[in-house]
Amino acid sequence: HARFCALSRTYIYRLLLGCAHHSQIPVFERDLCWAPAGGALNIPA
């Protein structure tokens, strides 16, 4: 059974950085990533 025999699920969340406005998101990335406002992220934190 596809649902009940699944052992795990993997989720990928993609952030596109450096877009001041949603119109700057590349057309092939629309609806495939989140473009939060602001600058660089603190990756170690």
All heavy atoms as atom14 arrays in JSON, in Angstrom:
{
  "sequence": "HARFCALSRTYIYRLLLGCAHHSQIPVFERDLCWAPAGGALNIPA",
  "atom14_mask": [
    [1, 1, 1, 1, 1, 1, 1, 1, 1, 1, 0, 0, 0, 0],
    [1, 1, 1, 1, 1, 0, 0, 0, 0, 0, 0, 0, 0, 0],
    [1, 1, 1, 1, 1, 1, 1, 1, 1, 1, 1, 0, 0, 0],
    [1, 1, 1, 1, 1, 1, 1, 1, 1, 1, 1, 0, 0, 0],
    [1, 1, 1, 1, 1, 1, 0, 0, 0, 0, 0, 0, 0, 0],
    [1, 1, 1, 1, 1, 0, 0, 0, 0, 0, 0, 0, 0, 0],
    [1, 1, 1, 1, 1, 1, 1, 1, 0, 0, 0, 0, 0, 0],
    [1, 1, 1, 1, 1, 1, 0, 0, 0, 0, 0, 0, 0, 0],
    [1, 1, 1, 1, 1, 1, 1, 1, 1, 1, 1, 0, 0, 0],
    [1, 1, 1, 1, 1, 1, 1, 0, 0, 0, 0, 0, 0, 0],
    [1, 1, 1, 1, 1, 1, 1, 1, 1, 1, 1, 1, 0, 0],
    [1, 1, 1, 1, 1, 1, 1, 1, 0, 0, 0, 0, 0, 0],
    [1, 1, 1, 1, 1, 1, 1, 1, 1, 1, 1, 1, 0, 0],
    [1, 1, 1, 1, 1, 1, 1, 1, 1, 1, 1, 0, 0, 0],
    [1, 1, 1, 1, 1, 1, 1, 1, 0, 0, 0, 0, 0, 0],
    [1, 1, 1, 1, 1, 1, 1, 1, 0, 0, 0, 0, 0, 0],
    [1, 1, 1, 1, 1, 1, 1, 1, 0, 0, 0, 0, 0, 0],
    [1, 1, 1, 1, 0, 0, 0, 0, 0, 0, 0, 0, 0, 0],
    [1, 1, 1, 1, 1, 1, 0, 0, 0, 0, 0, 0, 0, 0],
    [1, 1, 1, 1, 1, 0, 0, 0, 0, 0, 0, 0, 0, 0],
    [1, 1, 1, 1, 1, 1, 1, 1, 1, 1, 0, 0, 0, 0],
    [1, 1, 1, 1, 1, 1, 1, 1, 1, 1, 0, 0, 0, 0],
    [1, 1, 1, 1, 1, 1, 0, 0, 0, 0, 0, 0, 0, 0],
    [1, 1, 1, 1, 1, 1, 1, 1, 1, 0, 0, 0, 0, 0],
    [1, 1, 1, 1, 1, 1, 1, 1, 0, 0, 0, 0, 0, 0],
    [1, 1, 1, 1, 1, 1, 1, 0, 0, 0, 0, 0, 0, 0],
    [1, 1, 1, 1, 1, 1, 1, 0, 0, 0, 0, 0, 0, 0],
    [1, 1, 1, 1, 1, 1, 1, 1, 1, 1, 1, 0, 0, 0],
    [1, 1, 1, 1, 1, 1, 1, 1, 1, 0, 0, 0, 0, 0],
    [1, 1, 1, 1, 1, 1, 1, 1, 1, 1, 1, 0, 0, 0],
    [1, 1, 1, 1, 1, 1, 1, 1, 0, 0, 0, 0, 0, 0],
    [1, 1, 1, 1, 1, 1, 1, 1, 0, 0, 0, 0, 0, 0],
    [1, 1, 1, 1, 1, 1, 0, 0, 0, 0, 0, 0, 0, 0],
    [1, 1, 1, 1, 1, 1, 1, 1, 1, 1, 1, 1, 1, 1],
    [1, 1, 1, 1, 1, 0, 0, 0, 0, 0, 0, 0, 0, 0],
    [1, 1, 1, 1, 1, 1, 1, 0, 0, 0, 0, 0, 0, 0],
    [1, 1, 1, 1, 1, 0, 0, 0, 0, 0, 0, 0, 0, 0],
    [1, 1, 1, 1, 0, 0, 0, 0, 0, 0, 0, 0, 0, 0],
    [1, 1, 1, 1, 0, 0, 0, 0, 0, 0, 0, 0, 0, 0],
    [1, 1, 1, 1, 1, 0, 0, 0, 0, 0, 0, 0, 0, 0],
    [1, 1, 1, 1, 1, 1, 1, 1, 0, 0, 0, 0, 0, 0],
    [1, 1, 1, 1, 1, 1, 1, 1, 0, 0, 0, 0, 0, 0],
    [1, 1, 1, 1, 1, 1, 1, 1, 0, 0, 0, 0, 0, 0],
    [1, 1, 1, 1, 1, 1, 1, 0, 0, 0, 0, 0, 0, 0],
    [1, 1, 1, 1, 1, 0, 0, 0, 0, 0, 0, 0, 0, 0]
  ],
  "atom14_positions": [
    [[0.87, -1.17, 0.0], [0.0, 0.0, 0.0], [0.91, 1.23, 0.0], [1.74, 1.39, 0.9], [-0.91, 0.02, 1.23], [-2.01, 1.02, 1.14], [-1.77, 2.38, 1.3], [-3.33, 0.88, 0.9], [-2.91, 3.02, 1.17], [-3.88, 2.15, 0.91], [0.0, 0.0, 0.0], [0.0, 0.0, 0.0], [0.0, 0.0, 0.0], [0.0, 0.0, 0.0]],
    [[0.77, 2.08, -1.01], [1.67, 3.23, -1.18], [1.75, 4.11, 0.06], [2.83, 4.59, 0.41], [1.23, 4.07, -2.38], [0.0, 0.0, 0.0], [0.0, 0.0, 0.0], [0.0, 0.0, 0.0], [0.0, 0.0, 0.0], [0.0, 0.0, 0.0], [0.0, 0.0, 0.0], [0.0, 0.0, 0.0], [0.0, 0.0, 0.0], [0.0, 0.0, 0.0]],
    [[0.65, 4.32, 0.74], [0.66, 5.2, 1.9], [1.18, 4.5, 3.15], [2.04, 5.01, 3.86], [-0.75, 5.74, 2.16], [-0.81, 6.66, 3.34], [-2.18, 7.29, 3.5], [-2.29, 7.97, 4.77], [-3.42, 8.19, 5.39], [-4.56, 7.81, 4.86], [-3.45, 8.8, 6.55], [0.0, 0.0, 0.0], [0.0, 0.0, 0.0], [0.0, 0.0, 0.0]],
    [[0.65, 3.31, 3.42], [0.97, 2.65, 4.69], [2.31, 1.91, 4.67], [2.85, 1.59, 5.73], [-0.17, 1.72, 5.09], [-1.48, 2.44, 5.25], [-2.56, 2.13, 4.45], [-1.61, 3.48, 6.16], [-3.77, 2.82, 4.57], [-2.81, 4.17, 6.3], [-3.88, 3.84, 5.5], [0.0, 0.0, 0.0], [0.0, 0.0, 0.0], [0.0, 0.0, 0.0]],
    [[2.86, 1.64, 3.5], [4.17, 0.98, 3.42], [5.31, 1.99, 3.29], [6.48, 1.6, 3.27], [4.21, 0.01, 2.23], [3.13, -1.42, 2.44], [0.0, 0.0, 0.0], [0.0, 0.0, 0.0], [0.0, 0.0, 0.0], [0.0, 0.0, 0.0], [0.0, 0.0, 0.0], [0.0, 0.0, 0.0], [0.0, 0.0, 0.0], [0.0, 0.0, 0.0]],
    [[5.01, 3.26, 3.21], [6.06, 4.29, 3.11], [6.86, 4.32, 4.41], [6.28, 4.36, 5.5], [5.45, 5.65, 2.83], [0.0, 0.0, 0.0], [0.0, 0.0, 0.0], [0.0, 0.0, 0.0], [0.0, 0.0, 0.0], [0.0, 0.0, 0.0], [0.0, 0.0, 0.0], [0.0, 0.0, 0.0], [0.0, 0.0, 0.0], [0.0, 0.0, 0.0]],
    [[8.17, 4.27, 4.3], [9.02, 4.28, 5.48], [9.39, 5.69, 5.91], [9.62, 5.95, 7.08], [10.3, 3.48, 5.2], [10.09, 2.0, 4.86], [11.41, 1.34, 4.56], [9.38, 1.29, 6.01], [0.0, 0.0, 0.0], [0.0, 0.0, 0.0], [0.0, 0.0, 0.0], [0.0, 0.0, 0.0], [0.0, 0.0, 0.0], [0.0, 0.0, 0.0]],
    [[9.48, 6.6, 4.96], [9.81, 7.99, 5.29], [9.39, 8.88, 4.13], [9.06, 8.4, 3.05], [11.31, 8.16, 5.57], [12.05, 7.96, 4.39], [0.0, 0.0, 0.0], [0.0, 0.0, 0.0], [0.0, 0.0, 0.0], [0.0, 0.0, 0.0], [0.0, 0.0, 0.0], [0.0, 0.0, 0.0], [0.0, 0.0, 0.0], [0.0, 0.0, 0.0]],
    [[9.42, 10.16, 4.37], [9.14, 11.16, 3.35], [10.21, 12.24, 3.45], [10.67, 12.57, 4.55], [7.75, 11.77, 3.56], [6.64, 10.78, 3.27], [5.28, 11.32, 3.7], [4.22, 10.38, 3.38], [3.87, 9.34, 4.11], [4.51, 9.09, 5.24], [2.9, 8.54, 3.74], [0.0, 0.0, 0.0], [0.0, 0.0, 0.0], [0.0, 0.0, 0.0]],
    [[10.61, 12.76, 2.32], [11.63, 13.81, 2.28], [10.99, 15.08, 1.76], [10.27, 15.06, 0.77], [12.8, 13.39, 1.36], [13.37, 12.19, 1.88], [13.86, 14.48, 1.3], [0.0, 0.0, 0.0], [0.0, 0.0, 0.0], [0.0, 0.0, 0.0], [0.0, 0.0, 0.0], [0.0, 0.0, 0.0], [0.0, 0.0, 0.0], [0.0, 0.0, 0.0]],
    [[11.24, 16.18, 2.43], [10.71, 17.48, 2.04], [11.86, 18.42, 1.74], [12.85, 18.44, 2.46], [9.84, 18.08, 3.16], [8.65, 17.23, 3.49], [8.73, 16.2, 4.42], [7.43, 17.43, 2.85], [7.64, 15.4, 4.72], [6.33, 16.65, 3.13], [6.44, 15.64, 4.06], [5.35, 14.86, 4.34], [0.0, 0.0, 0.0], [0.0, 0.0, 0.0]],
    [[11.73, 19.2, 0.68], [12.75, 20.18, 0.32], [12.07, 21.54, 0.29], [11.06, 21.73, -0.39], [13.37, 19.87, -1.05], [14.07, 18.51, -1.01], [14.34, 20.98, -1.46], [14.57, 18.04, -2.36], [0.0, 0.0, 0.0], [0.0, 0.0, 0.0], [0.0, 0.0, 0.0], [0.0, 0.0, 0.0], [0.0, 0.0, 0.0], [0.0, 0.0, 0.0]],
    [[12.62, 22.47, 1.05], [12.12, 23.84, 1.08], [13.19, 24.73, 0.46], [14.32, 24.75, 0.94], [11.82, 24.28, 2.52], [10.8, 23.4, 3.19], [11.19, 22.29, 3.95], [9.44, 23.65, 3.06], [10.25, 21.47, 4.55], [8.5, 22.84, 3.65], [8.91, 21.75, 4.4], [7.98, 20.95, 4.99], [0.0, 0.0, 0.0], [0.0, 0.0, 0.0]],
    [[12.84, 25.43, -0.58], [13.81, 26.25, -1.31], [13.54, 27.73, -1.08], [12.42, 28.19, -1.23], [13.74, 25.93, -2.79], [14.11, 24.48, -3.06], [13.93, 24.09, -4.52], [14.83, 24.85, -5.34], [14.46, 25.46, -6.47], [13.23, 25.4, -6.89], [15.33, 26.14, -7.16], [0.0, 0.0, 0.0], [0.0, 0.0, 0.0], [0.0, 0.0, 0.0]],
    [[14.61, 28.46, -0.71], [14.52, 29.9, -0.51], [15.36, 30.58, -1.59], [16.5, 30.22, -1.81], [15.07, 30.29, 0.86], [14.46, 29.61, 2.09], [15.14, 30.1, 3.35], [12.97, 29.87, 2.15], [0.0, 0.0, 0.0], [0.0, 0.0, 0.0], [0.0, 0.0, 0.0], [0.0, 0.0, 0.0], [0.0, 0.0, 0.0], [0.0, 0.0, 0.0]],
    [[14.79, 31.55, -2.25], [15.51, 32.33, -3.25], [15.8, 33.69, -2.63], [14.89, 34.44, -2.27], [14.66, 32.49, -4.51], [15.28, 33.26, -5.66], [16.53, 32.54, -6.16], [14.27, 33.41, -6.79], [0.0, 0.0, 0.0], [0.0, 0.0, 0.0], [0.0, 0.0, 0.0], [0.0, 0.0, 0.0], [0.0, 0.0, 0.0], [0.0, 0.0, 0.0]],
    [[17.08, 34.0, -2.47], [17.48, 35.22, -1.78], [17.85, 36.31, -2.77], [18.25, 36.04, -3.9], [18.67, 34.93, -0.86], [18.45, 33.82, 0.16], [19.71, 33.58, 0.96], [17.28, 34.14, 1.07], [0.0, 0.0, 0.0], [0.0, 0.0, 0.0], [0.0, 0.0, 0.0], [0.0, 0.0, 0.0], [0.0, 0.0, 0.0], [0.0, 0.0, 0.0]],
    [[17.7, 37.55, -2.34], [18.14, 38.68, -3.14], [17.08, 39.27, -4.05], [17.39, 40.12, -4.87], [0.0, 0.0, 0.0], [0.0, 0.0, 0.0], [0.0, 0.0, 0.0], [0.0, 0.0, 0.0], [0.0, 0.0, 0.0], [0.0, 0.0, 0.0], [0.0, 0.0, 0.0], [0.0, 0.0, 0.0], [0.0, 0.0, 0.0], [0.0, 0.0, 0.0]],
    [[15.84, 38.85, -3.94], [14.76, 39.42, -4.74], [14.06, 40.5, -3.92], [13.49, 40.22, -2.88], [13.74, 38.35, -5.15], [14.38, 37.17, -6.32], [0.0, 0.0, 0.0], [0.0, 0.0, 0.0], [0.0, 0.0, 0.0], [0.0, 0.0, 0.0], [0.0, 0.0, 0.0], [0.0, 0.0, 0.0], [0.0, 0.0, 0.0], [0.0, 0.0, 0.0]],
    [[14.1, 41.71, -4.42], [13.46, 42.82, -3.71], [11.94, 42.78, -3.91], [11.19, 43.31, -3.11], [14.02, 44.15, -4.2], [0.0, 0.0, 0.0], [0.0, 0.0, 0.0], [0.0, 0.0, 0.0], [0.0, 0.0, 0.0], [0.0, 0.0, 0.0], [0.0, 0.0, 0.0], [0.0, 0.0, 0.0], [0.0, 0.0, 0.0], [0.0, 0.0, 0.0]],
    [[11.49, 42.15, -5.0], [10.06, 42.11, -5.32], [9.76, 40.76, -5.99], [10.62, 40.21, -6.69], [9.72, 43.27, -6.26], [8.25, 43.44, -6.48], [7.61, 42.86, -7.54], [7.31, 44.12, -5.76], [6.32, 43.17, -7.48], [6.12, 43.94, -6.41], [0.0, 0.0, 0.0], [0.0, 0.0, 0.0], [0.0, 0.0, 0.0], [0.0, 0.0, 0.0]],
    [[8.55, 40.23, -5.78], [8.22, 38.91, -6.34], [8.31, 38.86, -7.86], [8.51, 37.8, -8.45], [6.83, 38.45, -5.87], [5.69, 39.27, -6.39], [5.14, 39.08, -7.63], [5.03, 40.3, -5.83], [4.16, 39.95, -7.82], [4.07, 40.71, -6.72], [0.0, 0.0, 0.0], [0.0, 0.0, 0.0], [0.0, 0.0, 0.0], [0.0, 0.0, 0.0]],
    [[8.24, 40.01, -8.53], [8.36, 40.03, -9.99], [9.77, 39.69, -10.46], [9.99, 39.42, -11.63], [7.95, 41.41, -10.53], [8.84, 42.4, -10.07], [0.0, 0.0, 0.0], [0.0, 0.0, 0.0], [0.0, 0.0, 0.0], [0.0, 0.0, 0.0], [0.0, 0.0, 0.0], [0.0, 0.0, 0.0], [0.0, 0.0, 0.0], [0.0, 0.0, 0.0]],
    [[10.74, 39.7, -9.53], [12.13, 39.38, -9.88], [12.41, 37.88, -9.83], [13.48, 37.44, -10.22], [13.09, 40.1, -8.94], [13.06, 41.6, -9.09], [13.98, 42.27, -8.07], [14.13, 41.81, -6.95], [14.6, 43.37, -8.49], [0.0, 0.0, 0.0], [0.0, 0.0, 0.0], [0.0, 0.0, 0.0], [0.0, 0.0, 0.0], [0.0, 0.0, 0.0]],
    [[11.46, 37.09, -9.37], [11.65, 35.64, -9.32], [11.67, 35.12, -10.75], [10.77, 35.41, -11.53], [10.53, 34.96, -8.51], [10.52, 35.48, -7.08], [10.68, 33.44, -8.54], [9.34, 35.01, -6.26], [0.0, 0.0, 0.0], [0.0, 0.0, 0.0], [0.0, 0.0, 0.0], [0.0, 0.0, 0.0], [0.0, 0.0, 0.0], [0.0, 0.0, 0.0]],
    [[12.68, 34.34, -11.13], [12.73, 33.78, -12.49], [11.45, 32.99, -12.79], [10.91, 32.32, -11.91], [13.95, 32.87, -12.47], [14.8, 33.41, -11.37], [13.85, 33.95, -10.34], [0.0, 0.0, 0.0], [0.0, 0.0, 0.0], [0.0, 0.0, 0.0], [0.0, 0.0, 0.0], [0.0, 0.0, 0.0], [0.0, 0.0, 0.0], [0.0, 0.0, 0.0]],
    [[11.0, 33.06, -14.01], [9.72, 32.45, -14.38], [9.67, 30.96, -14.06], [8.63, 30.44, -13.65], [9.39, 32.74, -15.87], [10.34, 32.01, -16.81], [7.95, 32.38, -16.18], [0.0, 0.0, 0.0], [0.0, 0.0, 0.0], [0.0, 0.0, 0.0], [0.0, 0.0, 0.0], [0.0, 0.0, 0.0], [0.0, 0.0, 0.0], [0.0, 0.0, 0.0]],
    [[10.77, 30.25, -14.22], [10.76, 28.81, -13.96], [10.87, 28.47, -12.47], [10.78, 27.32, -12.09], [11.86, 28.11, -14.76], [11.64, 28.19, -16.24], [12.49, 28.92, -17.04], [10.55, 27.55, -16.82], [12.26, 29.02, -18.41], [10.32, 27.63, -18.18], [11.17, 28.36, -18.98], [0.0, 0.0, 0.0], [0.0, 0.0, 0.0], [0.0, 0.0, 0.0]],
    [[11.07, 29.48, -11.64], [11.13, 29.27, -10.2], [9.83, 29.66, -9.5], [9.64, 29.35, -8.33], [12.29, 30.08, -9.59], [13.66, 29.63, -10.03], [14.01, 28.24, -9.52], [13.56, 27.85, -8.42], [14.73, 27.53, -10.24], [0.0, 0.0, 0.0], [0.0, 0.0, 0.0], [0.0, 0.0, 0.0], [0.0, 0.0, 0.0], [0.0, 0.0, 0.0]],
    [[8.93, 30.36, -10.21], [7.68, 30.78, -9.59], [6.92, 29.58, -9.07], [6.83, 28.56, -9.73], [6.83, 31.55, -10.59], [7.4, 32.92, -10.84], [6.41, 33.86, -11.47], [7.15, 35.08, -11.81], [7.2, 35.59, -13.02], [6.52, 35.06, -14.0], [7.91, 36.67, -13.24], [0.0, 0.0, 0.0], [0.0, 0.0, 0.0], [0.0, 0.0, 0.0]],
    [[6.37, 29.69, -7.92], [5.61, 28.63, -7.25], [6.46, 27.43, -6.87], [5.93, 26.39, -6.46], [4.43, 28.16, -8.12], [3.46, 29.29, -8.42], [3.25, 30.14, -7.53], [2.92, 29.32, -9.53], [0.0, 0.0, 0.0], [0.0, 0.0, 0.0], [0.0, 0.0, 0.0], [0.0, 0.0, 0.0], [0.0, 0.0, 0.0], [0.0, 0.0, 0.0]],
    [[7.78, 27.51, -7.03], [8.67, 26.4, -6.65], [9.61, 26.78, -5.51], [10.4, 25.96, -5.07], [9.49, 25.93, -7.86], [8.7, 25.33, -9.01], [9.63, 24.99, -10.17], [7.93, 24.1, -8.57], [0.0, 0.0, 0.0], [0.0, 0.0, 0.0], [0.0, 0.0, 0.0], [0.0, 0.0, 0.0], [0.0, 0.0, 0.0], [0.0, 0.0, 0.0]],
    [[9.57, 28.03, -5.1], [10.44, 28.46, -4.01], [9.79, 29.64, -3.3], [8.79, 30.18, -3.76], [11.83, 28.85, -4.54], [11.83, 30.28, -5.61], [0.0, 0.0, 0.0], [0.0, 0.0, 0.0], [0.0, 0.0, 0.0], [0.0, 0.0, 0.0], [0.0, 0.0, 0.0], [0.0, 0.0, 0.0], [0.0, 0.0, 0.0], [0.0, 0.0, 0.0]],
    [[10.35, 30.01, -2.19], [9.89, 31.16, -1.42], [11.0, 32.21, -1.5], [12.18, 31.88, -1.32], [9.61, 30.76, 0.01], [9.15, 31.87, 0.9], [8.22, 32.82, 0.61], [9.61, 32.15, 2.22], [8.05, 33.68, 1.69], [8.91, 33.28, 2.68], [10.54, 31.56, 3.05], [9.11, 33.83, 3.93], [10.74, 32.09, 4.31], [10.02, 33.22, 4.74]],
    [[10.64, 33.44, -1.77], [11.61, 34.53, -1.88], [11.36, 35.53, -0.76], [10.68, 36.53, -0.95], [11.51, 35.19, -3.26], [0.0, 0.0, 0.0], [0.0, 0.0, 0.0], [0.0, 0.0, 0.0], [0.0, 0.0, 0.0], [0.0, 0.0, 0.0], [0.0, 0.0, 0.0], [0.0, 0.0, 0.0], [0.0, 0.0, 0.0], [0.0, 0.0, 0.0]],
    [[11.92, 35.27, 0.43], [11.71, 36.2, 1.54], [12.48, 37.49, 1.33], [13.56, 37.49, 0.74], [12.26, 35.44, 2.75], [13.28, 34.52, 2.17], [12.79, 34.15, 0.8], [0.0, 0.0, 0.0], [0.0, 0.0, 0.0], [0.0, 0.0, 0.0], [0.0, 0.0, 0.0], [0.0, 0.0, 0.0], [0.0, 0.0, 0.0], [0.0, 0.0, 0.0]],
    [[11.91, 38.58, 1.79], [12.58, 39.88, 1.71], [13.74, 39.9, 2.71], [13.74, 39.17, 3.7], [11.59, 41.0, 2.02], [0.0, 0.0, 0.0], [0.0, 0.0, 0.0], [0.0, 0.0, 0.0], [0.0, 0.0, 0.0], [0.0, 0.0, 0.0], [0.0, 0.0, 0.0], [0.0, 0.0, 0.0], [0.0, 0.0, 0.0], [0.0, 0.0, 0.0]],
    [[14.7, 40.72, 2.45], [15.81, 40.86, 3.39], [17.11, 40.41, 2.75], [17.16, 39.98, 1.61], [0.0, 0.0, 0.0], [0.0, 0.0, 0.0], [0.0, 0.0, 0.0], [0.0, 0.0, 0.0], [0.0, 0.0, 0.0], [0.0, 0.0, 0.0], [0.0, 0.0, 0.0], [0.0, 0.0, 0.0], [0.0, 0.0, 0.0], [0.0, 0.0, 0.0]],
    [[18.15, 40.49, 3.54], [19.49, 40.19, 3.05], [19.89, 38.75, 3.28], [19.06, 37.85, 3.34], [0.0, 0.0, 0.0], [0.0, 0.0, 0.0], [0.0, 0.0, 0.0], [0.0, 0.0, 0.0], [0.0, 0.0, 0.0], [0.0, 0.0, 0.0], [0.0, 0.0, 0.0], [0.0, 0.0, 0.0], [0.0, 0.0, 0.0], [0.0, 0.0, 0.0]],
    [[21.17, 38.57, 3.47], [21.75, 37.24, 3.64], [21.25, 36.59, 4.93], [20.87, 37.28, 5.89], [23.27, 37.36, 3.67], [0.0, 0.0, 0.0], [0.0, 0.0, 0.0], [0.0, 0.0, 0.0], [0.0, 0.0, 0.0], [0.0, 0.0, 0.0], [0.0, 0.0, 0.0], [0.0, 0.0, 0.0], [0.0, 0.0, 0.0], [0.0, 0.0, 0.0]],
    [[21.25, 35.28, 4.93], [20.85, 34.52, 6.11], [22.08, 34.07, 6.88], [23.15, 33.86, 6.3], [20.04, 33.3, 5.68], [18.76, 33.59, 4.91], [18.1, 32.29, 4.46], [17.78, 34.39, 5.75], [0.0, 0.0, 0.0], [0.0, 0.0, 0.0], [0.0, 0.0, 0.0], [0.0, 0.0, 0.0], [0.0, 0.0, 0.0], [0.0, 0.0, 0.0]],
    [[21.92, 33.9, 8.17], [23.01, 33.43, 9.02], [22.95, 31.9, 9.02], [22.27, 31.29, 9.86], [22.85, 34.0, 10.43], [24.01, 33.65, 11.33], [24.69, 32.64, 11.14], [24.22, 34.47, 12.35], [0.0, 0.0, 0.0], [0.0, 0.0, 0.0], [0.0, 0.0, 0.0], [0.0, 0.0, 0.0], [0.0, 0.0, 0.0], [0.0, 0.0, 0.0]],
    [[23.66, 31.29, 8.08], [23.63, 29.84, 7.9], [24.11, 29.09, 9.14], [23.45, 28.14, 9.59], [24.43, 29.41, 6.64], [23.9, 30.12, 5.4], [24.41, 27.9, 6.48], [22.46, 29.85, 5.08], [0.0, 0.0, 0.0], [0.0, 0.0, 0.0], [0.0, 0.0, 0.0], [0.0, 0.0, 0.0], [0.0, 0.0, 0.0], [0.0, 0.0, 0.0]],
    [[25.23, 29.47, 9.77], [25.65, 28.76, 10.98], [24.6, 28.79, 12.08], [24.34, 27.78, 12.75], [26.94, 29.48, 11.41], [27.48, 30.04, 10.13], [26.26, 30.44, 9.34], [0.0, 0.0, 0.0], [0.0, 0.0, 0.0], [0.0, 0.0, 0.0], [0.0, 0.0, 0.0], [0.0, 0.0, 0.0], [0.0, 0.0, 0.0], [0.0, 0.0, 0.0]],
    [[23.94, 29.94, 12.28], [22.9, 30.04, 13.31], [21.69, 29.17, 12.94], [21.08, 28.55, 13.81], [22.47, 31.49, 13.48], [0.0, 0.0, 0.0], [0.0, 0.0, 0.0], [0.0, 0.0, 0.0], [0.0, 0.0, 0.0], [0.0, 0.0, 0.0], [0.0, 0.0, 0.0], [0.0, 0.0, 0.0], [0.0, 0.0, 0.0], [0.0, 0.0, 0.0]]
  ]
}
